[in-house]
């Protein structure tokens, strides 16, 4: 099942959420019946991919905090979030669909991604590396606003804009 989810991630990133199911099965090197046995509907597969990607992004916060200092971990995670938000063709539309497969995605995003970002933000704030006159949720909302429309046209532009935003939080002058 992990191979199917990983293959769907790759295919969805290349071809969008409307990619043919056959393409996903071929990429996973399984028959289409195997794919449908695990994911009877396209929506079930899309939801599984998004749940997996959100989990990976949340987990990255802890890994980055261990590997880098507070500010650098925050900056690295913000770029990771840009990729998550930006490469998901149609994610905003999916989150608004009234389908049981997508029912928990919005809550998972709020209960997973926001706390992960807040933790990194608070660590950088406690270390005195970022300004104290902004709120973590404001910054995360700004990141989401910057990356969603821009990523589809120019991923490098979205990443650059988020870099500028995060650098603007620093307390040290360059």
C-alpha atoms as a PDB file:
ATOM      1  CA  UNK A   1       0.000   0.000   0.000  1.00  0.00           C
ATOM      2  CA  UNK A   2       2.913   2.389   0.718  1.00  0.00           C
ATOM      3  CA  UNK A   3       4.197   1.817  -2.808  1.00  0.00           C
ATOM      4  CA  UNK A   4       0.799   2.792  -4.216  1.00  0.00           C
ATOM      5  CA  UNK A   5       0.696   5.966  -2.129  1.00  0.00           C
ATOM      6  CA  UNK A   6       4.252   6.929  -3.102  1.00  0.00           C
ATOM      7  CA  UNK A   7       3.521   6.262  -6.775  1.00  0.00           C
ATOM      8  CA  UNK A   8       0.343   8.307  -6.581  1.00  0.00           C
ATOM      9  CA  UNK A   9       2.326  11.155  -4.998  1.00  0.00           C
ATOM     10  CA  UNK A  10       4.738  11.176  -7.925  1.00  0.00           C
ATOM     11  CA  UNK A  11       2.062  10.867 -10.603  1.00  0.00           C
ATOM     12  CA  UNK A  12      -0.205  13.488  -9.011  1.00  0.00           C
ATOM     13  CA  UNK A  13       2.726  15.886  -8.772  1.00  0.00           C
ATOM     14  CA  UNK A  14       3.560  15.405 -12.450  1.00  0.00           C
ATOM     15  CA  UNK A  15       0.072  15.147 -13.907  1.00  0.00           C
ATOM     16  CA  UNK A  16      -2.336  16.567 -11.343  1.00  0.00           C
ATOM     17  CA  UNK A  17      -5.145  14.917  -9.409  1.00  0.00           C
ATOM     18  CA  UNK A  18      -6.938  13.899 -12.596  1.00  0.00           C
ATOM     19  CA  UNK A  19      -4.067  11.645 -13.674  1.00  0.00           C
ATOM     20  CA  UNK A  20      -5.232   8.272 -15.018  1.00  0.00           C
ATOM     21  CA  UNK A  21      -5.435   5.544 -12.389  1.00  0.00           C
ATOM     22  CA  UNK A  22      -3.677   3.238 -14.857  1.00  0.00           C
ATOM     23  CA  UNK A  23      -0.643   5.559 -14.783  1.00  0.00           C
ATOM     24  CA  UNK A  24      -0.452   5.230 -10.990  1.00  0.00           C
ATOM     25  CA  UNK A  25      -0.773   1.446 -11.107  1.00  0.00           C
ATOM     26  CA  UNK A  26       1.914   1.243 -13.799  1.00  0.00           C
ATOM     27  CA  UNK A  27       4.225   3.496 -11.807  1.00  0.00           C
ATOM     28  CA  UNK A  28       3.744   1.261  -8.751  1.00  0.00           C
ATOM     29  CA  UNK A  29       4.299  -1.832 -10.924  1.00  0.00           C
ATOM     30  CA  UNK A  30       0.979  -3.373  -9.842  1.00  0.00           C
ATOM     31  CA  UNK A  31      -2.205  -4.256 -11.632  1.00  0.00           C
ATOM     32  CA  UNK A  32      -5.133  -1.905 -11.610  1.00  0.00           C
ATOM     33  CA  UNK A  33      -7.139  -4.458  -9.588  1.00  0.00           C
ATOM     34  CA  UNK A  34      -4.542  -4.261  -6.817  1.00  0.00           C
ATOM     35  CA  UNK A  35      -4.852  -0.488  -6.739  1.00  0.00           C
ATOM     36  CA  UNK A  36      -8.655  -0.672  -6.580  1.00  0.00           C
ATOM     37  CA  UNK A  37      -8.524  -3.356  -3.874  1.00  0.00           C
ATOM     38  CA  UNK A  38      -6.686  -0.910  -1.604  1.00  0.00           C
ATOM     39  CA  UNK A  39      -8.340   2.277  -2.864  1.00  0.00           C
ATOM     40  CA  UNK A  40     -11.803   1.566  -4.301  1.00  0.00           C
ATOM     41  CA  UNK A  41     -12.305   5.195  -5.331  1.00  0.00           C
ATOM     42  CA  UNK A  42      -9.964   7.885  -6.661  1.00  0.00           C
ATOM     43  CA  UNK A  43     -10.995  10.055  -3.724  1.00  0.00           C
ATOM     44  CA  UNK A  44      -9.736   7.406  -1.277  1.00  0.00           C
ATOM     45  CA  UNK A  45      -6.322   7.409  -2.942  1.00  0.00           C
ATOM     46  CA  UNK A  46      -6.138  11.213  -3.080  1.00  0.00           C
ATOM     47  CA  UNK A  47      -7.030  11.430   0.622  1.00  0.00           C
ATOM     48  CA  UNK A  48      -4.402   8.800   1.506  1.00  0.00           C
ATOM     49  CA  UNK A  49      -1.743  10.738  -0.415  1.00  0.00           C
ATOM     50  CA  UNK A  50      -2.623  14.011   1.317  1.00  0.00           C
ATOM     51  CA  UNK A  51      -2.701  12.374   4.751  1.00  0.00           C
ATOM     52  CA  UNK A  52       0.725  10.872   4.044  1.00  0.00           C
ATOM     53  CA  UNK A  53       2.182  14.161   2.846  1.00  0.00           C
ATOM     54  CA  UNK A  54       0.833  16.086   5.809  1.00  0.00           C
ATOM     55  CA  UNK A  55       2.316  13.474   8.160  1.00  0.00           C
ATOM     56  CA  UNK A  56       5.688  13.737   6.415  1.00  0.00           C
ATOM     57  CA  UNK A  57       5.677  17.524   6.693  1.00  0.00           C
ATOM     58  CA  UNK A  58       4.719  17.376  10.381  1.00  0.00           C
ATOM     59  CA  UNK A  59       7.454  14.798  11.062  1.00  0.00           C
ATOM     60  CA  UNK A  60       9.991  16.990   9.272  1.00  0.00           C
ATOM     61  CA  UNK A  61       9.554  19.680  11.940  1.00  0.00           C
ATOM     62  CA  UNK A  62      11.037  17.439  14.618  1.00  0.00           C
ATOM     63  CA  UNK A  63      13.815  16.227  12.352  1.00  0.00           C
ATOM     64  CA  UNK A  64      14.770  19.758  11.332  1.00  0.00           C
ATOM     65  CA  UNK A  65      14.703  20.957  14.959  1.00  0.00           C
ATOM     66  CA  UNK A  66      17.208  18.245  15.852  1.00  0.00           C
ATOM     67  CA  UNK A  67      19.438  18.939  12.868  1.00  0.00           C
ATOM     68  CA  UNK A  68      19.489  22.769  12.777  1.00  0.00           C
ATOM     69  CA  UNK A  69      19.349  25.753  15.054  1.00  0.00           C
ATOM     70  CA  UNK A  70      15.909  27.277  15.726  1.00  0.00           C
ATOM     71  CA  UNK A  71      15.855  29.885  12.948  1.00  0.00           C
ATOM     72  CA  UNK A  72      17.341  27.566  10.325  1.00  0.00           C
ATOM     73  CA  UNK A  73      14.861  24.809  11.252  1.00  0.00           C
ATOM     74  CA  UNK A  74      11.987  27.278  10.900  1.00  0.00           C
ATOM     75  CA  UNK A  75      13.250  28.482   7.522  1.00  0.00           C
ATOM     76  CA  UNK A  76      13.810  24.941   6.226  1.00  0.00           C
ATOM     77  CA  UNK A  77      10.356  23.803   7.344  1.00  0.00           C
ATOM     78  CA  UNK A  78       8.733  26.840   5.711  1.00  0.00           C
ATOM     79  CA  UNK A  79      10.292  25.760   2.397  1.00  0.00           C
ATOM     80  CA  UNK A  80       9.055  22.219   2.969  1.00  0.00           C
ATOM     81  CA  UNK A  81       5.565  23.614   3.528  1.00  0.00           C
ATOM     82  CA  UNK A  82       5.825  25.642   0.301  1.00  0.00           C
ATOM     83  CA  UNK A  83       6.428  22.439  -1.634  1.00  0.00           C
ATOM     84  CA  UNK A  84       3.529  20.665   0.121  1.00  0.00           C
ATOM     85  CA  UNK A  85       1.095  23.507  -0.508  1.00  0.00           C
ATOM     86  CA  UNK A  86       2.344  24.427  -3.935  1.00  0.00           C
ATOM     87  CA  UNK A  87       2.701  21.106  -5.683  1.00  0.00           C
ATOM     88  CA  UNK A  88      -0.739  19.801  -4.900  1.00  0.00           C
ATOM     89  CA  UNK A  89      -2.693  20.616  -8.024  1.00  0.00           C
ATOM     90  CA  UNK A  90      -6.270  21.063  -6.874  1.00  0.00           C
ATOM     91  CA  UNK A  91      -5.745  20.638  -3.106  1.00  0.00           C
ATOM     92  CA  UNK A  92      -7.917  23.657  -2.316  1.00  0.00           C
ATOM     93  CA  UNK A  93     -10.732  22.211  -4.416  1.00  0.00           C
ATOM     94  CA  UNK A  94     -10.404  18.811  -2.758  1.00  0.00           C
ATOM     95  CA  UNK A  95     -10.659  20.267   0.727  1.00  0.00           C
ATOM     96  CA  UNK A  96     -13.984  21.864  -0.156  1.00  0.00           C
ATOM     97  CA  UNK A  97     -15.561  18.751  -1.665  1.00  0.00           C
ATOM     98  CA  UNK A  98     -18.310  17.109   0.311  1.00  0.00           C
ATOM     99  CA  UNK A  99     -16.846  13.604   0.178  1.00  0.00           C
ATOM    100  CA  UNK A 100     -16.291  11.441   3.265  1.00  0.00           C
ATOM    101  CA  UNK A 101     -12.755  10.604   2.086  1.00  0.00           C
ATOM    102  CA  UNK A 102     -11.738  14.248   2.533  1.00  0.00           C
ATOM    103  CA  UNK A 103     -13.634  14.903   5.756  1.00  0.00           C
ATOM    104  CA  UNK A 104     -10.578  14.789   8.023  1.00  0.00           C
ATOM    105  CA  UNK A 105      -8.044  16.544   5.815  1.00  0.00           C
ATOM    106  CA  UNK A 106      -8.771  20.102   6.902  1.00  0.00           C
ATOM    107  CA  UNK A 107      -8.676  19.139  10.561  1.00  0.00           C
ATOM    108  CA  UNK A 108      -5.504  17.112  10.069  1.00  0.00           C
ATOM    109  CA  UNK A 109      -3.883  20.081   8.405  1.00  0.00           C
ATOM    110  CA  UNK A 110      -4.876  22.382  11.268  1.00  0.00           C
ATOM    111  CA  UNK A 111      -4.052  19.873  14.026  1.00  0.00           C
ATOM    112  CA  UNK A 112      -0.770  18.753  12.507  1.00  0.00           C
ATOM    113  CA  UNK A 113       0.835  21.446  10.396  1.00  0.00           C
ATOM    114  CA  UNK A 114      -0.014  24.454  12.538  1.00  0.00           C
ATOM    115  CA  UNK A 115       1.343  22.960  15.788  1.00  0.00           C
ATOM    116  CA  UNK A 116       4.488  21.826  13.952  1.00  0.00           C
ATOM    117  CA  UNK A 117       5.077  25.359  12.681  1.00  0.00           C
ATOM    118  CA  UNK A 118       4.180  26.926  16.025  1.00  0.00           C
ATOM    119  CA  UNK A 119       6.754  24.728  17.772  1.00  0.00           C
ATOM    120  CA  UNK A 120       9.513  25.799  15.404  1.00  0.00           C
ATOM    121  CA  UNK A 121       8.369  29.418  15.595  1.00  0.00           C
ATOM    122  CA  UNK A 122       8.338  29.403  19.408  1.00  0.00           C
ATOM    123  CA  UNK A 123      11.815  27.850  19.536  1.00  0.00           C
ATOM    124  CA  UNK A 124      13.196  30.581  17.247  1.00  0.00           C
ATOM    125  CA  UNK A 125      11.376  33.214  19.307  1.00  0.00           C
ATOM    126  CA  UNK A 126      12.732  31.812  22.596  1.00  0.00           C
ATOM    127  CA  UNK A 127      16.237  31.838  21.122  1.00  0.00           C
ATOM    128  CA  UNK A 128      15.803  35.524  20.271  1.00  0.00           C
ATOM    129  CA  UNK A 129      16.322  34.830  16.585  1.00  0.00           C
ATOM    130  CA  UNK A 130      13.011  36.226  15.319  1.00  0.00           C
ATOM    131  CA  UNK A 131      10.817  39.230  16.019  1.00  0.00           C
ATOM    132  CA  UNK A 132       8.332  39.017  18.849  1.00  0.00           C
ATOM    133  CA  UNK A 133       5.727  41.346  17.342  1.00  0.00           C
ATOM    134  CA  UNK A 134       4.237  38.753  14.969  1.00  0.00           C
ATOM    135  CA  UNK A 135       2.225  35.641  15.591  1.00  0.00           C
ATOM    136  CA  UNK A 136       3.017  32.143  14.286  1.00  0.00           C
ATOM    137  CA  UNK A 137      -0.419  31.721  12.729  1.00  0.00           C
ATOM    138  CA  UNK A 138      -0.117  35.049  10.882  1.00  0.00           C
ATOM    139  CA  UNK A 139       3.187  33.945   9.413  1.00  0.00           C
ATOM    140  CA  UNK A 140       1.891  30.516   8.415  1.00  0.00           C
ATOM    141  CA  UNK A 141      -1.137  32.081   6.737  1.00  0.00           C
ATOM    142  CA  UNK A 142       1.165  34.470   4.886  1.00  0.00           C
ATOM    143  CA  UNK A 143       3.310  31.564   3.692  1.00  0.00           C
ATOM    144  CA  UNK A 144       0.239  29.721   2.428  1.00  0.00           C
ATOM    145  CA  UNK A 145      -0.956  32.864   0.653  1.00  0.00           C
ATOM    146  CA  UNK A 146       2.393  33.405  -1.023  1.00  0.00           C
ATOM    147  CA  UNK A 147       2.950  29.894  -2.253  1.00  0.00           C
ATOM    148  CA  UNK A 148      -0.387  28.630  -3.488  1.00  0.00           C
ATOM    149  CA  UNK A 149      -0.946  30.718  -6.639  1.00  0.00           C
ATOM    150  CA  UNK A 150       2.714  31.364  -7.405  1.00  0.00           C
ATOM    151  CA  UNK A 151       4.004  27.804  -7.176  1.00  0.00           C
ATOM    152  CA  UNK A 152       2.100  26.525 -10.181  1.00  0.00           C
ATOM    153  CA  UNK A 153       3.682  29.096 -12.479  1.00  0.00           C
ATOM    154  CA  UNK A 154       7.138  29.470 -10.928  1.00  0.00           C
ATOM    155  CA  UNK A 155       8.073  27.282  -7.939  1.00  0.00           C
ATOM    156  CA  UNK A 156      11.334  29.210  -7.522  1.00  0.00           C
ATOM    157  CA  UNK A 157       9.376  32.460  -7.189  1.00  0.00           C
ATOM    158  CA  UNK A 158       7.168  31.089  -4.397  1.00  0.00           C
ATOM    159  CA  UNK A 159      10.199  29.738  -2.565  1.00  0.00           C
ATOM    160  CA  UNK A 160      11.986  33.082  -2.931  1.00  0.00           C
ATOM    161  CA  UNK A 161       8.986  35.033  -1.614  1.00  0.00           C
ATOM    162  CA  UNK A 162       8.742  32.752   1.423  1.00  0.00           C
ATOM    163  CA  UNK A 163      12.491  33.116   2.011  1.00  0.00           C
ATOM    164  CA  UNK A 164      12.081  36.903   2.014  1.00  0.00           C
ATOM    165  CA  UNK A 165       9.161  36.638   4.430  1.00  0.00           C
ATOM    166  CA  UNK A 166      11.041  34.378   6.846  1.00  0.00           C
ATOM    167  CA  UNK A 167      14.206  36.509   6.639  1.00  0.00           C
ATOM    168  CA  UNK A 168      12.047  39.506   7.535  1.00  0.00           C
ATOM    169  CA  UNK A 169      11.349  37.848  10.885  1.00  0.00           C
ATOM    170  CA  UNK A 170      15.001  37.870  11.922  1.00  0.00           C
ATOM    171  CA  UNK A 171      16.054  40.097  14.776  1.00  0.00           C
ATOM    172  CA  UNK A 172      19.606  40.516  13.524  1.00  0.00           C
ATOM    173  CA  UNK A 173      20.502  43.012  10.841  1.00  0.00           C
ATOM    174  CA  UNK A 174      22.448  41.796   7.846  1.00  0.00           C
END
